[in-house]
Amino acid sequence: MADRRRLERFVRSKLREAGEQYEELRRSTDGQFEEAREAYQAARNARALPTDEADRARIICRRYAERRAARLDDEYRPACYEDGHPDCEGCVEDIYAGRIETW
């Protein structure tokens, strides 16, 4: 009788561990899927920007409120981007969201 209870506890603990591992893996893959979706959307929006003959994005600079033709780096930030500046950060967010003003 004691062996049967010990076996039941052992099986339950192993099933619980397997369930917890499955749930952790599921949450992890859901997060990775969402990150991939956001990256795809940002890249798609950045690639849809109008460009000039030198393949520079034609955007309206939020910082100086002027027309600019700027190359985008690997993270789809304009060459004039200044890290930490609120207008530049907002410009990049607009590029990712597909709502940047263009000309």
PDB file of N, CA and C in Angstrom:
ATOM      1  N   MET A   1       0.810  -1.193   0.000  1.00  0.00           N
ATOM      2  CA  MET A   1       0.000   0.000   0.000  1.00  0.00           C
ATOM      3  C   MET A   1       0.857   1.263   0.000  1.00  0.00           C
ATOM      4  N   ALA A   2       1.931   1.276   0.787  1.00  0.00           N
ATOM      5  CA  ALA A   2       2.813   2.439   0.854  1.00  0.00           C
ATOM      6  C   ALA A   2       3.528   2.651  -0.476  1.00  0.00           C
ATOM      7  N   ASP A   3       3.895   1.553  -1.122  1.00  0.00           N
ATOM      8  CA  ASP A   3       4.556   1.669  -2.418  1.00  0.00           C
ATOM      9  C   ASP A   3       3.627   2.297  -3.463  1.00  0.00           C
ATOM     10  N   ARG A   4       2.352   1.931  -3.391  1.00  0.00           N
ATOM     11  CA  ARG A   4       1.379   2.483  -4.348  1.00  0.00           C
ATOM     12  C   ARG A   4       1.225   3.992  -4.156  1.00  0.00           C
ATOM     13  N   ARG A   5       1.157   4.456  -2.900  1.00  0.00           N
ATOM     14  CA  ARG A   5       1.038   5.903  -2.630  1.00  0.00           C
ATOM     15  C   ARG A   5       2.289   6.650  -3.085  1.00  0.00           C
ATOM     16  N   ARG A   6       3.427   6.053  -2.817  1.00  0.00           N
ATOM     17  CA  ARG A   6       4.672   6.682  -3.253  1.00  0.00           C
ATOM     18  C   ARG A   6       4.735   6.774  -4.769  1.00  0.00           C
ATOM     19  N   LEU A   7       4.284   5.720  -5.437  1.00  0.00           N
ATOM     20  CA  LEU A   7       4.254   5.723  -6.899  1.00  0.00           C
ATOM     21  C   LEU A   7       3.286   6.786  -7.416  1.00  0.00           C
ATOM     22  N   GLU A   8       2.122   6.919  -6.800  1.00  0.00           N
ATOM     23  CA  GLU A   8       1.151   7.944  -7.205  1.00  0.00           C
ATOM     24  C   GLU A   8       1.734   9.341  -7.030  1.00  0.00           C
ATOM     25  N   ARG A   9       2.378   9.595  -5.884  1.00  0.00           N
ATOM     26  CA  ARG A   9       2.998  10.911  -5.652  1.00  0.00           C
ATOM     27  C   ARG A   9       4.084  11.190  -6.675  1.00  0.00           C
ATOM     28  N   PHE A  10       4.870  10.175  -6.963  1.00  0.00           N
ATOM     29  CA  PHE A  10       5.943  10.326  -7.945  1.00  0.00           C
ATOM     30  C   PHE A  10       5.370  10.665  -9.321  1.00  0.00           C
ATOM     31  N   VAL A  11       4.362   9.914  -9.744  1.00  0.00           N
ATOM     32  CA  VAL A  11       3.756  10.152 -11.063  1.00  0.00           C
ATOM     33  C   VAL A  11       3.114  11.532 -11.109  1.00  0.00           C
ATOM     34  N   ARG A  12       2.398  11.916 -10.057  1.00  0.00           N
ATOM     35  CA  ARG A  12       1.770  13.247 -10.021  1.00  0.00           C
ATOM     36  C   ARG A  12       2.812  14.355 -10.073  1.00  0.00           C
ATOM     37  N   SER A  13       3.878  14.208  -9.330  1.00  0.00           N
ATOM     38  CA  SER A  13       4.914  15.254  -9.338  1.00  0.00           C
ATOM     39  C   SER A  13       5.555  15.370 -10.718  1.00  0.00           C
ATOM     40  N   LYS A  14       5.786  14.240 -11.371  1.00  0.00           N
ATOM     41  CA  LYS A  14       6.385  14.280 -12.709  1.00  0.00           C
ATOM     42  C   LYS A  14       5.420  14.886 -13.717  1.00  0.00           C
ATOM     43  N   LEU A  15       4.133  14.557 -13.603  1.00  0.00           N
ATOM     44  CA  LEU A  15       3.140  15.160 -14.506  1.00  0.00           C
ATOM     45  C   LEU A  15       3.022  16.661 -14.266  1.00  0.00           C
ATOM     46  N   ARG A  16       3.074  17.074 -13.008  1.00  0.00           N
ATOM     47  CA  ARG A  16       3.012  18.503 -12.682  1.00  0.00           C
ATOM     48  C   ARG A  16       4.223  19.227 -13.272  1.00  0.00           C
ATOM     49  N   GLU A  17       5.407  18.638 -13.108  1.00  0.00           N
ATOM     50  CA  GLU A  17       6.625  19.238 -13.683  1.00  0.00           C
ATOM     51  C   GLU A  17       6.514  19.353 -15.191  1.00  0.00           C
ATOM     52  N   ALA A  18       6.020  18.300 -15.831  1.00  0.00           N
ATOM     53  CA  ALA A  18       5.866  18.333 -17.288  1.00  0.00           C
ATOM     54  C   ALA A  18       4.884  19.412 -17.698  1.00  0.00           C
ATOM     55  N   GLY A  19       3.790  19.560 -16.953  1.00  0.00           N
ATOM     56  CA  GLY A  19       2.809  20.604 -17.250  1.00  0.00           C
ATOM     57  C   GLY A  19       3.387  21.999 -17.090  1.00  0.00           C
ATOM     58  N   GLU A  20       4.182  22.196 -16.041  1.00  0.00           N
ATOM     59  CA  GLU A  20       4.814  23.496 -15.816  1.00  0.00           C
ATOM     60  C   GLU A  20       5.818  23.808 -16.919  1.00  0.00           C
ATOM     61  N   GLN A  21       6.581  22.814 -17.326  1.00  0.00           N
ATOM     62  CA  GLN A  21       7.542  23.023 -18.412  1.00  0.00           C
ATOM     63  C   GLN A  21       6.822  23.353 -19.716  1.00  0.00           C
ATOM     64  N   TYR A  22       5.727  22.661 -19.972  1.00  0.00           N
ATOM     65  CA  TYR A  22       4.947  22.937 -21.187  1.00  0.00           C
ATOM     66  C   TYR A  22       4.418  24.359 -21.168  1.00  0.00           C
ATOM     67  N   GLU A  23       3.869  24.788 -20.036  1.00  0.00           N
ATOM     68  CA  GLU A  23       3.317  26.137 -19.927  1.00  0.00           C
ATOM     69  C   GLU A  23       4.411  27.189 -20.113  1.00  0.00           C
ATOM     70  N   GLU A  24       5.571  26.947 -19.533  1.00  0.00           N
ATOM     71  CA  GLU A  24       6.694  27.883 -19.688  1.00  0.00           C
ATOM     72  C   GLU A  24       7.129  27.970 -21.158  1.00  0.00           C
ATOM     73  N   LEU A  25       7.215  26.838 -21.807  1.00  0.00           N
ATOM     74  CA  LEU A  25       7.588  26.811 -23.219  1.00  0.00           C
ATOM     75  C   LEU A  25       6.544  27.518 -24.080  1.00  0.00           C
ATOM     76  N   ARG A  26       5.282  27.302 -23.762  1.00  0.00           N
ATOM     77  CA  ARG A  26       4.203  27.942 -24.528  1.00  0.00           C
ATOM     78  C   ARG A  26       4.258  29.461 -24.381  1.00  0.00           C
ATOM     79  N   ARG A  27       4.461  29.943 -23.148  1.00  0.00           N
ATOM     80  CA  ARG A  27       4.576  31.396 -22.939  1.00  0.00           C
ATOM     81  C   ARG A  27       5.778  31.960 -23.688  1.00  0.00           C
ATOM     82  N   SER A  28       6.873  31.233 -23.666  1.00  0.00           N
ATOM     83  CA  SER A  28       8.085  31.682 -24.344  1.00  0.00           C
ATOM     84  C   SER A  28       7.871  31.774 -25.852  1.00  0.00           C
ATOM     85  N   THR A  29       7.275  30.760 -26.428  1.00  0.00           N
ATOM     86  CA  THR A  29       7.059  30.783 -27.885  1.00  0.00           C
ATOM     87  C   THR A  29       6.029  31.826 -28.269  1.00  0.00           C
ATOM     88  N   ASP A  30       5.012  32.051 -27.420  1.00  0.00           N
ATOM     89  CA  ASP A  30       4.040  33.109 -27.703  1.00  0.00           C
ATOM     90  C   ASP A  30       4.736  34.466 -27.739  1.00  0.00           C
ATOM     91  N   GLY A  31       5.658  34.697 -26.785  1.00  0.00           N
ATOM     92  CA  GLY A  31       6.399  35.951 -26.751  1.00  0.00           C
ATOM     93  C   GLY A  31       7.303  36.117 -27.965  1.00  0.00           C
ATOM     94  N   GLN A  32       7.959  35.039 -28.361  1.00  0.00           N
ATOM     95  CA  GLN A  32       8.825  35.099 -29.536  1.00  0.00           C
ATOM     96  C   GLN A  32       8.016  35.351 -30.795  1.00  0.00           C
ATOM     97  N   PHE A  33       6.861  34.741 -30.882  1.00  0.00           N
ATOM     98  CA  PHE A  33       6.001  34.943 -32.041  1.00  0.00           C
ATOM     99  C   PHE A  33       5.551  36.397 -32.123  1.00  0.00           C
ATOM    100  N   GLU A  34       5.186  36.983 -30.991  1.00  0.00           N
ATOM    101  CA  GLU A  34       4.749  38.386 -30.975  1.00  0.00           C
ATOM    102  C   GLU A  34       5.907  39.310 -31.365  1.00  0.00           C
ATOM    103  N   GLU A  35       7.113  39.041 -30.867  1.00  0.00           N
ATOM    104  CA  GLU A  35       8.276  39.845 -31.238  1.00  0.00           C
ATOM    105  C   GLU A  35       8.548  39.754 -32.735  1.00  0.00           C
ATOM    106  N   ALA A  36       8.456  38.566 -33.279  1.00  0.00           N
ATOM    107  CA  ALA A  36       8.680  38.379 -34.716  1.00  0.00           C
ATOM    108  C   ALA A  36       7.626  39.110 -35.530  1.00  0.00           C
ATOM    109  N   ARG A  37       6.389  39.071 -35.077  1.00  0.00           N
ATOM    110  CA  ARG A  37       5.311  39.781 -35.780  1.00  0.00           C
ATOM    111  C   ARG A  37       5.551  41.287 -35.782  1.00  0.00           C
ATOM    112  N   GLU A  38       5.963  41.832 -34.632  1.00  0.00           N
ATOM    113  CA  GLU A  38       6.242  43.265 -34.542  1.00  0.00           C
ATOM    114  C   GLU A  38       7.424  43.652 -35.431  1.00  0.00           C
ATOM    115  N   ALA A  39       8.474  42.838 -35.450  1.00  0.00           N
ATOM    116  CA  ALA A  39       9.637  43.117 -36.296  1.00  0.00           C
ATOM    117  C   ALA A  39       9.259  43.064 -37.770  1.00  0.00           C
ATOM    118  N   TYR A  40       8.447  42.104 -38.156  1.00  0.00           N
ATOM    119  CA  TYR A  40       7.997  42.003 -39.543  1.00  0.00           C
ATOM    120  C   TYR A  40       7.184  43.229 -39.928  1.00  0.00           C
ATOM    121  N   GLN A  41       6.277  43.646 -39.058  1.00  0.00           N
ATOM    122  CA  GLN A  41       5.428  44.813 -39.339  1.00  0.00           C
ATOM    123  C   GLN A  41       6.283  46.068 -39.476  1.00  0.00           C
ATOM    124  N   ALA A  42       7.264  46.253 -38.597  1.00  0.00           N
ATOM    125  CA  ALA A  42       8.138  47.424 -38.665  1.00  0.00           C
ATOM    126  C   ALA A  42       8.931  47.419 -39.966  1.00  0.00           C
ATOM    127  N   ALA A  43       9.470  46.271 -40.347  1.00  0.00           N
ATOM    128  CA  ALA A  43      10.245  46.175 -41.588  1.00  0.00           C
ATOM    129  C   ALA A  43       9.357  46.440 -42.796  1.00  0.00           C
ATOM    130  N   ARG A  44       8.158  45.906 -42.779  1.00  0.00           N
ATOM    131  CA  ARG A  44       7.234  46.125 -43.899  1.00  0.00           C
ATOM    132  C   ARG A  44       6.882  47.599 -44.042  1.00  0.00           C
ATOM    133  N   ASN A  45       6.616  48.263 -42.921  1.00  0.00           N
ATOM    134  CA  ASN A  45       6.283  49.688 -42.968  1.00  0.00           C
ATOM    135  C   ASN A  45       7.473  50.524 -43.425  1.00  0.00           C
ATOM    136  N   ALA A  46       8.662  50.176 -42.969  1.00  0.00           N
ATOM    137  CA  ALA A  46       9.862  50.927 -43.363  1.00  0.00           C
ATOM    138  C   ALA A  46      10.148  50.737 -44.845  1.00  0.00           C
ATOM    139  N   ARG A  47       9.952  49.544 -45.359  1.00  0.00           N
ATOM    140  CA  ARG A  47      10.215  49.266 -46.768  1.00  0.00           C
ATOM    141  C   ARG A  47       9.186  49.936 -47.678  1.00  0.00           C
ATOM    142  N   ALA A  48       8.028  50.280 -47.127  1.00  0.00           N
ATOM    143  CA  ALA A  48       6.975  50.907 -47.923  1.00  0.00           C
ATOM    144  C   ALA A  48       7.158  52.420 -48.056  1.00  0.00           C
ATOM    145  N   LEU A  49       8.160  52.972 -47.380  1.00  0.00           N
ATOM    146  CA  LEU A  49       8.381  54.421 -47.458  1.00  0.00           C
ATOM    147  C   LEU A  49       8.821  54.812 -48.871  1.00  0.00           C
ATOM    148  N   PRO A  50       8.354  55.969 -49.349  1.00  0.00           N
ATOM    149  CA  PRO A  50       8.831  56.431 -50.651  1.00  0.00           C
ATOM    150  C   PRO A  50      10.319  56.763 -50.588  1.00  0.00           C
ATOM    151  N   THR A  51      11.028  56.490 -51.678  1.00  0.00           N
ATOM    152  CA  THR A  51      12.467  56.727 -51.711  1.00  0.00           C
ATOM    153  C   THR A  51      12.834  57.595 -52.910  1.00  0.00           C
ATOM    154  N   ASP A  52      14.028  58.185 -52.831  1.00  0.00           N
ATOM    155  CA  ASP A  52      14.533  58.952 -53.967  1.00  0.00           C
ATOM    156  C   ASP A  52      15.388  58.035 -54.840  1.00  0.00           C
ATOM    157  N   GLU A  53      16.048  58.611 -55.834  1.00  0.00           N
ATOM    158  CA  GLU A  53      16.856  57.813 -56.761  1.00  0.00           C
ATOM    159  C   GLU A  53      18.075  57.175 -56.102  1.00  0.00           C
ATOM    160  N   ALA A  54      18.512  57.693 -54.956  1.00  0.00           N
ATOM    161  CA  ALA A  54      19.650  57.120 -54.226  1.00  0.00           C
ATOM    162  C   ALA A  54      19.176  56.133 -53.147  1.00  0.00           C
ATOM    163  N   ASP A  55      17.925  55.738 -53.197  1.00  0.00           N
ATOM    164  CA  ASP A  55      17.330  54.775 -52.274  1.00  0.00           C
ATOM    165  C   ASP A  55      17.321  55.278 -50.830  1.00  0.00           C
ATOM    166  N   ARG A  56      17.139  56.585 -50.665  1.00  0.00           N
ATOM    167  CA  ARG A  56      16.995  57.171 -49.334  1.00  0.00           C
ATOM    168  C   ARG A  56      15.516  57.412 -49.078  1.00  0.00           C
ATOM    169  N   ALA A  57      15.070  57.163 -47.847  1.00  0.00           N
ATOM    170  CA  ALA A  57      13.669  57.365 -47.485  1.00  0.00           C
ATOM    171  C   ALA A  57      13.371  58.856 -47.455  1.00  0.00           C
ATOM    172  N   ARG A  58      12.242  59.214 -48.040  1.00  0.00           N
ATOM    173  CA  ARG A  58      11.817  60.625 -48.048  1.00  0.00           C
ATOM    174  C   ARG A  58      10.829  60.828 -46.908  1.00  0.00           C
ATOM    175  N   ILE A  59      11.322  61.420 -45.819  1.00  0.00           N
ATOM    176  CA  ILE A  59      10.501  61.611 -44.627  1.00  0.00           C
ATOM    177  C   ILE A  59      10.486  63.085 -44.230  1.00  0.00           C
ATOM    178  N   ILE A  60       9.507  63.422 -43.388  1.00  0.00           N
ATOM    179  CA  ILE A  60       9.460  64.752 -42.786  1.00  0.00           C
ATOM    180  C   ILE A  60      10.060  64.619 -41.397  1.00  0.00           C
ATOM    181  N   CYS A  61      11.142  65.333 -41.141  1.00  0.00           N
ATOM    182  CA  CYS A  61      11.842  65.271 -39.865  1.00  0.00           C
ATOM    183  C   CYS A  61      10.965  65.867 -38.765  1.00  0.00           C
ATOM    184  N   ARG A  62      10.725  65.128 -37.721  1.00  0.00           N
ATOM    185  CA  ARG A  62       9.912  65.628 -36.615  1.00  0.00           C
ATOM    186  C   ARG A  62      10.690  66.646 -35.785  1.00  0.00           C
ATOM    187  N   ARG A  63      11.989  66.511 -35.757  1.00  0.00           N
ATOM    188  CA  ARG A  63      12.810  67.394 -34.923  1.00  0.00           C
ATOM    189  C   ARG A  63      12.906  68.797 -35.511  1.00  0.00           C
ATOM    190  N   TYR A  64      13.118  68.874 -36.826  1.00  0.00           N
ATOM    191  CA  TYR A  64      13.302  70.168 -37.460  1.00  0.00           C
ATOM    192  C   TYR A  64      12.155  70.547 -38.388  1.00  0.00           C
ATOM    193  N   ALA A  65      11.163  69.696 -38.506  1.00  0.00           N
ATOM    194  CA  ALA A  65       9.983  69.935 -39.342  1.00  0.00           C
ATOM    195  C   ALA A  65      10.386  70.337 -40.760  1.00  0.00           C
ATOM    196  N   GLU A  66      11.238  69.510 -41.367  1.00  0.00           N
ATOM    197  CA  GLU A  66      11.671  69.761 -42.731  1.00  0.00           C
ATOM    198  C   GLU A  66      11.729  68.456 -43.509  1.00  0.00           C
ATOM    199  N   ARG A  67      11.710  68.574 -44.818  1.00  0.00           N
ATOM    200  CA  ARG A  67      11.823  67.396 -45.674  1.00  0.00           C
ATOM    201  C   ARG A  67      13.248  66.863 -45.615  1.00  0.00           C
ATOM    202  N   ARG A  68      13.369  65.557 -45.528  1.00  0.00           N
ATOM    203  CA  ARG A  68      14.682  64.927 -45.499  1.00  0.00           C
ATOM    204  C   ARG A  68      14.668  63.670 -46.345  1.00  0.00           C
ATOM    205  N   ALA A  69      15.783  63.431 -46.989  1.00  0.00           N
ATOM    206  CA  ALA A  69      16.017  62.148 -47.657  1.00  0.00           C
ATOM    207  C   ALA A  69      17.145  61.493 -46.864  1.00  0.00           C
ATOM    208  N   ALA A  70      16.805  60.445 -46.145  1.00  0.00           N
ATOM    209  CA  ALA A  70      17.779  59.831 -45.238  1.00  0.00           C
ATOM    210  C   ALA A  70      17.836  58.322 -45.451  1.00  0.00           C
ATOM    211  N   ARG A  71      19.038  57.796 -45.391  1.00  0.00           N
ATOM    212  CA  ARG A  71      19.202  56.335 -45.440  1.00  0.00           C
ATOM    213  C   ARG A  71      18.722  55.756 -44.117  1.00  0.00           C
ATOM    214  N   LEU A  72      18.160  54.563 -44.182  1.00  0.00           N
ATOM    215  CA  LEU A  72      17.744  53.861 -42.976  1.00  0.00           C
ATOM    216  C   LEU A  72      18.780  52.791 -42.645  1.00  0.00           C
ATOM    217  N   ASP A  73      19.117  52.669 -41.361  1.00  0.00           N
ATOM    218  CA  ASP A  73      20.087  51.652 -40.952  1.00  0.00           C
ATOM    219  C   ASP A  73      19.393  50.296 -40.803  1.00  0.00           C
ATOM    220  N   ASP A  74      20.094  49.329 -40.249  1.00  0.00           N
ATOM    221  CA  ASP A  74      19.558  47.974 -40.105  1.00  0.00           C
ATOM    222  C   ASP A  74      18.344  47.902 -39.193  1.00  0.00           C
ATOM    223  N   GLU A  75      18.192  48.867 -38.307  1.00  0.00           N
ATOM    224  CA  GLU A  75      17.050  48.908 -37.398  1.00  0.00           C
ATOM    225  C   GLU A  75      15.994  49.887 -37.891  1.00  0.00           C
ATOM    226  N   TYR A  76      16.104  50.303 -39.155  1.00  0.00           N
ATOM    227  CA  TYR A  76      15.165  51.209 -39.822  1.00  0.00           C
ATOM    228  C   TYR A  76      15.090  52.571 -39.135  1.00  0.00           C
ATOM    229  N   ARG A  77      16.235  53.060 -38.689  1.00  0.00           N
ATOM    230  CA  ARG A  77      16.338  54.412 -38.143  1.00  0.00           C
ATOM    231  C   ARG A  77      17.003  55.286 -39.192  1.00  0.00           C
ATOM    232  N   PRO A  78      16.539  56.527 -39.360  1.00  0.00           N
ATOM    233  CA  PRO A  78      17.170  57.424 -40.330  1.00  0.00           C
ATOM    234  C   PRO A  78      18.604  57.771 -39.915  1.00  0.00           C
ATOM    235  N   ALA A  79      19.417  58.133 -40.885  1.00  0.00           N
ATOM    236  CA  ALA A  79      20.813  58.476 -40.611  1.00  0.00           C
ATOM    237  C   ALA A  79      20.925  59.675 -39.669  1.00  0.00           C
ATOM    238  N   CYS A  80      19.923  60.535 -39.652  1.00  0.00           N
ATOM    239  CA  CYS A  80      19.945  61.715 -38.788  1.00  0.00           C
ATOM    240  C   CYS A  80      19.482  61.408 -37.366  1.00  0.00           C
ATOM    241  N   TYR A  81      19.171  60.169 -37.076  1.00  0.00           N
ATOM    242  CA  TYR A  81      18.647  59.758 -35.772  1.00  0.00           C
ATOM    243  C   TYR A  81      19.653  60.034 -34.661  1.00  0.00           C
ATOM    244  N   GLU A  82      19.164  60.620 -33.564  1.00  0.00           N
ATOM    245  CA  GLU A  82      19.986  60.871 -32.387  1.00  0.00           C
ATOM    246  C   GLU A  82      19.380  60.108 -31.214  1.00  0.00           C
ATOM    247  N   ASP A  83      20.128  59.150 -30.689  1.00  0.00           N
ATOM    248  CA  ASP A  83      19.632  58.298 -29.610  1.00  0.00           C
ATOM    249  C   ASP A  83      19.263  59.129 -28.387  1.00  0.00           C
ATOM    250  N   GLY A  84      18.072  58.890 -27.852  1.00  0.00           N
ATOM    251  CA  GLY A  84      17.632  59.574 -26.642  1.00  0.00           C
ATOM    252  C   GLY A  84      16.859  60.854 -26.882  1.00  0.00           C
ATOM    253  N   HIS A  85      16.894  61.393 -28.098  1.00  0.00           N
ATOM    254  CA  HIS A  85      16.146  62.616 -28.367  1.00  0.00           C
ATOM    255  C   HIS A  85      14.674  62.244 -28.581  1.00  0.00           C
ATOM    256  N   PRO A  86      13.754  62.903 -27.869  1.00  0.00           N
ATOM    257  CA  PRO A  86      12.345  62.516 -27.957  1.00  0.00           C
ATOM    258  C   PRO A  86      11.755  62.609 -29.365  1.00  0.00           C
ATOM    259  N   ASP A  87      12.125  63.621 -30.126  1.00  0.00           N
ATOM    260  CA  ASP A  87      11.597  63.732 -31.491  1.00  0.00           C
ATOM    261  C   ASP A  87      12.123  62.612 -32.378  1.00  0.00           C
ATOM    262  N   CYS A  88      13.397  62.273 -32.220  1.00  0.00           N
ATOM    263  CA  CYS A  88      13.982  61.186 -33.014  1.00  0.00           C
ATOM    264  C   CYS A  88      13.367  59.849 -32.621  1.00  0.00           C
ATOM    265  N   GLU A  89      13.160  59.646 -31.333  1.00  0.00           N
ATOM    266  CA  GLU A  89      12.524  58.414 -30.867  1.00  0.00           C
ATOM    267  C   GLU A  89      11.111  58.310 -31.432  1.00  0.00           C
ATOM    268  N   GLY A  90      10.382  59.430 -31.426  1.00  0.00           N
ATOM    269  CA  GLY A  90       9.031  59.440 -31.974  1.00  0.00           C
ATOM    270  C   GLY A  90       9.022  59.187 -33.471  1.00  0.00           C
ATOM    271  N   CYS A  91      10.021  59.703 -34.158  1.00  0.00           N
ATOM    272  CA  CYS A  91      10.135  59.479 -35.596  1.00  0.00           C
ATOM    273  C   CYS A  91      10.305  57.993 -35.899  1.00  0.00           C
ATOM    274  N   VAL A  92      11.177  57.334 -35.157  1.00  0.00           N
ATOM    275  CA  VAL A  92      11.409  55.904 -35.363  1.00  0.00           C
ATOM    276  C   VAL A  92      10.145  55.113 -35.036  1.00  0.00           C
ATOM    277  N   GLU A  93       9.459  55.481 -33.964  1.00  0.00           N
ATOM    278  CA  GLU A  93       8.201  54.807 -33.622  1.00  0.00           C
ATOM    279  C   GLU A  93       7.188  54.968 -34.749  1.00  0.00           C
ATOM    280  N   ASP A  94       7.138  56.170 -35.347  1.00  0.00           N
ATOM    281  CA  ASP A  94       6.216  56.408 -36.461  1.00  0.00           C
ATOM    282  C   ASP A  94       6.598  55.580 -37.684  1.00  0.00           C
ATOM    283  N   ILE A  95       7.892  55.431 -37.934  1.00  0.00           N
ATOM    284  CA  ILE A  95       8.334  54.594 -39.053  1.00  0.00           C
ATOM    285  C   ILE A  95       7.885  53.158 -38.819  1.00  0.00           C
ATOM    286  N   TYR A  96       8.107  52.660 -37.608  1.00  0.00           N
ATOM    287  CA  TYR A  96       7.709  51.282 -37.282  1.00  0.00           C
ATOM    288  C   TYR A  96       6.205  51.087 -37.414  1.00  0.00           C
ATOM    289  N   ALA A  97       5.433  52.101 -37.012  1.00  0.00           N
ATOM    290  CA  ALA A  97       3.972  51.988 -37.031  1.00  0.00           C
ATOM    291  C   ALA A  97       3.380  52.292 -38.410  1.00  0.00           C
ATOM    292  N   GLY A  98       4.197  52.838 -39.315  1.00  0.00           N
ATOM    293  CA  GLY A  98       3.704  53.150 -40.648  1.00  0.00           C
ATOM    294  C   GLY A  98       2.932  54.449 -40.740  1.00  0.00           C
ATOM    295  N   ARG A  99       3.162  55.361 -39.810  1.00  0.00           N
ATOM    296  CA  ARG A  99       2.419  56.628 -39.813  1.00  0.00           C
ATOM    297  C   ARG A  99       3.324  57.853 -39.960  1.00  0.00           C
ATOM    298  N   ILE A 100       4.559  57.651 -40.424  1.00  0.00           N
ATOM    299  CA  ILE A 100       5.493  58.764 -40.607  1.00  0.00           C
ATOM    300  C   ILE A 100       5.049  59.621 -41.795  1.00  0.00           C
ATOM    301  N   GLU A 101       5.230  60.914 -41.660  1.00  0.00           N
ATOM    302  CA  GLU A 101       4.907  61.806 -42.768  1.00  0.00           C
ATOM    303  C   GLU A 101       6.002  61.712 -43.818  1.00  0.00           C
ATOM    304  N   THR A 102       5.593  61.668 -45.077  1.00  0.00           N
ATOM    305  CA  THR A 102       6.544  61.569 -46.185  1.00  0.00           C
ATOM    306  C   THR A 102       6.248  62.651 -47.200  1.00  0.00           C
ATOM    307  N   TRP A 103       7.122  62.767 -48.181  1.00  0.00           N
ATOM    308  CA  TRP A 103       6.906  63.717 -49.258  1.00  0.00           C
ATOM    309  C   TRP A 103       7.212  63.067 -50.579  1.00  0.00           C
TER     310      TRP A 103
END
